[in-house]
Amino acid sequence: MEQLTNKIKQAFSSVDAESLKKLPSLIREEREFLKDAINNKGETWRRCGTFYEEMAWGETNQITRAYNNLSKTHEARNERIAKKLIDKNVTDINLSSSDIIWGNNFETTWNVDNLSITLQVVWAGGYNIQCLHPRVLCNVRECK
């Protein structure tokens, strides 16, 4: 499973690195937005309520914690995809020709033996308390 997880990690490496690189500026932008909305506009609603509560940790701590959480999310995603493949007896895949792209509901499909593997990156959340975030879906089916 470790070899398969590493291949999946490698396939996602560029988008994962980009998301980790953008994280501090996104957090700073959201912090400024919320401060402005509350202090200058008198708004009392809370977009992404958990994020607002985490602002009490201070900017540096909030960024560090978010960075660590996002790294763990990437690892869990890789293991989840590898487990789905192993459950279908797929022990090796070649993802070198698959470029993972965030946005626009990216989808790629490839075949391994008699299986069709579909990988989708879709946007979820964005309403009320859940912030908009990319979600990775993996589906493994037998080809007919």
Protein backbone atom coordinates (compact mmCIF):
# COMPACT_ATOMS: atom_id res chain seq x y z
CA MET A 1 0.00 0.00 0.00
CA GLU A 2 2.88 2.35 0.75
CA GLN A 3 4.17 2.18 -2.84
CA LEU A 4 0.71 2.97 -4.20
CA THR A 5 0.23 5.81 -1.70
CA ASN A 6 3.59 7.29 -2.74
CA LYS A 7 2.59 7.23 -6.43
CA ILE A 8 -0.66 9.02 -5.61
CA LYS A 9 1.27 11.51 -3.46
CA GLN A 10 3.61 12.17 -6.36
CA ALA A 11 0.68 12.73 -8.76
CA PHE A 12 -0.76 15.35 -6.38
CA SER A 13 2.59 16.86 -5.39
CA SER A 14 2.46 19.99 -7.55
CA VAL A 15 -1.11 20.97 -6.61
CA ASP A 16 -0.47 20.13 -2.96
CA ALA A 17 2.65 22.31 -2.93
CA GLU A 18 0.73 25.14 -4.60
CA SER A 19 -2.13 24.95 -2.10
CA LEU A 20 0.31 25.00 0.84
CA LYS A 21 2.14 27.94 -0.72
CA LYS A 22 -1.09 29.96 -1.14
CA LEU A 23 -2.43 29.14 2.33
CA PRO A 24 -0.79 32.00 4.31
CA SER A 25 -2.02 34.69 1.92
CA LEU A 26 -5.53 33.21 1.86
CA ILE A 27 -5.65 33.19 5.64
CA ARG A 28 -4.43 36.80 5.81
CA GLU A 29 -7.07 37.88 3.26
CA GLU A 30 -9.86 36.13 5.16
CA ARG A 31 -8.69 37.60 8.48
CA GLU A 32 -8.73 41.12 7.00
CA PHE A 33 -12.14 40.56 5.42
CA LEU A 34 -13.67 39.43 8.70
CA LYS A 35 -12.04 42.20 10.73
CA ASP A 36 -13.31 44.79 8.26
CA ALA A 37 -16.80 43.30 8.14
CA ILE A 38 -17.10 43.30 11.92
CA ASN A 39 -15.28 46.52 12.83
CA ASN A 40 -16.20 48.86 9.98
CA LYS A 41 -19.49 47.54 8.69
CA GLY A 42 -20.96 46.33 11.96
CA GLU A 43 -21.87 42.94 10.54
CA THR A 44 -22.63 40.28 13.10
CA TRP A 45 -22.86 37.20 10.86
CA ARG A 46 -19.92 34.83 10.77
CA ARG A 47 -18.71 33.49 7.44
CA CYS A 48 -16.74 30.32 8.22
CA GLY A 49 -17.45 30.47 11.96
CA THR A 50 -14.63 28.13 12.94
CA PHE A 51 -12.13 30.30 11.09
CA TYR A 52 -13.33 33.33 13.03
CA GLU A 53 -12.84 31.50 16.33
CA GLU A 54 -9.34 30.41 15.26
CA MET A 55 -8.39 34.06 14.71
CA ALA A 56 -7.96 34.32 18.49
CA TRP A 57 -4.81 32.17 18.20
CA GLY A 58 -3.03 34.96 16.33
CA GLU A 59 -2.08 35.05 12.67
CA THR A 60 1.17 33.06 12.93
CA ASN A 61 -0.37 30.26 15.01
CA GLN A 62 -3.46 30.14 12.80
CA ILE A 63 -1.31 29.77 9.66
CA THR A 64 0.88 27.09 11.28
CA ARG A 65 -2.10 25.08 12.45
CA ALA A 66 -3.86 25.42 9.08
CA TYR A 67 -0.67 24.33 7.28
CA ASN A 68 -0.38 21.23 9.48
CA ASN A 69 -4.06 20.39 9.05
CA LEU A 70 -3.89 20.77 5.28
CA SER A 71 -0.82 18.53 5.13
CA LYS A 72 -2.71 15.87 7.12
CA THR A 73 -5.69 16.25 4.79
CA HIS A 74 -3.43 15.60 1.78
CA GLU A 75 -2.00 12.47 3.42
CA ALA A 76 -5.47 11.16 4.34
CA ARG A 77 -6.70 11.76 0.76
CA ASN A 78 -3.76 9.79 -0.67
CA GLU A 79 -4.35 6.89 1.72
CA ARG A 80 -8.12 6.93 1.02
CA ILE A 81 -7.52 6.69 -2.74
CA ALA A 82 -4.90 3.95 -2.28
CA LYS A 83 -7.28 1.96 -0.08
CA LYS A 84 -10.03 2.13 -2.71
CA LEU A 85 -7.61 0.83 -5.32
CA ILE A 86 -6.26 -1.94 -3.07
CA ASP A 87 -9.83 -2.99 -2.24
CA LYS A 88 -10.20 -3.68 -5.98
CA ASN A 89 -6.85 -5.55 -6.07
CA VAL A 90 -5.00 -2.72 -7.87
CA THR A 91 -1.47 -2.75 -6.51
CA ASP A 92 0.25 -0.51 -9.06
CA ILE A 93 -0.80 2.39 -11.30
CA ASN A 94 0.93 4.78 -13.65
CA LEU A 95 -0.16 8.35 -13.02
CA SER A 96 2.75 9.99 -14.83
CA SER A 97 0.49 11.19 -17.65
CA SER A 98 -2.27 12.48 -15.33
CA ASP A 99 -1.96 16.14 -14.37
CA ILE A 100 -4.21 16.96 -11.43
CA ILE A 101 -5.82 20.40 -11.74
CA TRP A 102 -7.84 22.30 -9.12
CA GLY A 103 -10.94 24.10 -10.30
CA ASN A 104 -13.45 23.63 -13.07
CA ASN A 105 -14.50 20.29 -11.58
CA PHE A 106 -11.47 18.45 -12.94
CA GLU A 107 -11.96 14.79 -13.84
CA THR A 108 -9.65 12.13 -15.23
CA THR A 109 -10.23 8.47 -15.96
CA TRP A 110 -7.74 5.71 -16.62
CA ASN A 111 -7.93 1.95 -16.97
CA VAL A 112 -5.99 -0.66 -15.04
CA ASP A 113 -6.62 -4.22 -16.24
CA ASN A 114 -10.42 -4.59 -16.20
CA LEU A 115 -11.06 -1.57 -13.95
CA SER A 116 -12.00 2.00 -14.77
CA ILE A 117 -10.68 4.49 -12.22
CA THR A 118 -12.23 7.95 -12.15
CA LEU A 119 -10.68 10.74 -10.14
CA GLN A 120 -12.63 13.99 -9.69
CA VAL A 121 -11.70 17.25 -8.00
CA VAL A 122 -14.88 19.20 -7.23
CA TRP A 123 -15.66 22.26 -5.12
CA ALA A 124 -17.70 21.73 -1.97
CA GLY A 125 -19.04 23.98 0.76
CA GLY A 126 -19.04 27.73 0.42
CA TYR A 127 -22.32 28.26 2.23
CA ASN A 128 -23.02 29.30 5.79
CA ILE A 129 -20.40 27.78 8.12
CA GLN A 130 -18.48 25.60 5.66
CA CYS A 131 -15.79 27.35 3.64
CA LEU A 132 -15.42 26.57 -0.05
CA HIS A 133 -12.81 23.83 -0.49
CA PRO A 134 -11.68 21.31 -3.11
CA ARG A 135 -12.88 17.76 -2.57
CA VAL A 136 -11.29 14.71 -4.21
CA LEU A 137 -13.54 11.81 -5.21
CA CYS A 138 -12.29 8.45 -6.41
CA ASN A 139 -14.45 5.79 -8.04
CA VAL A 140 -13.22 2.35 -9.09
CA ARG A 141 -15.51 0.24 -11.32
CA GLU A 142 -15.19 -2.91 -13.34
CA CYS A 143 -15.22 -2.34 -17.10
CA LYS A 144 -17.95 -4.20 -18.95
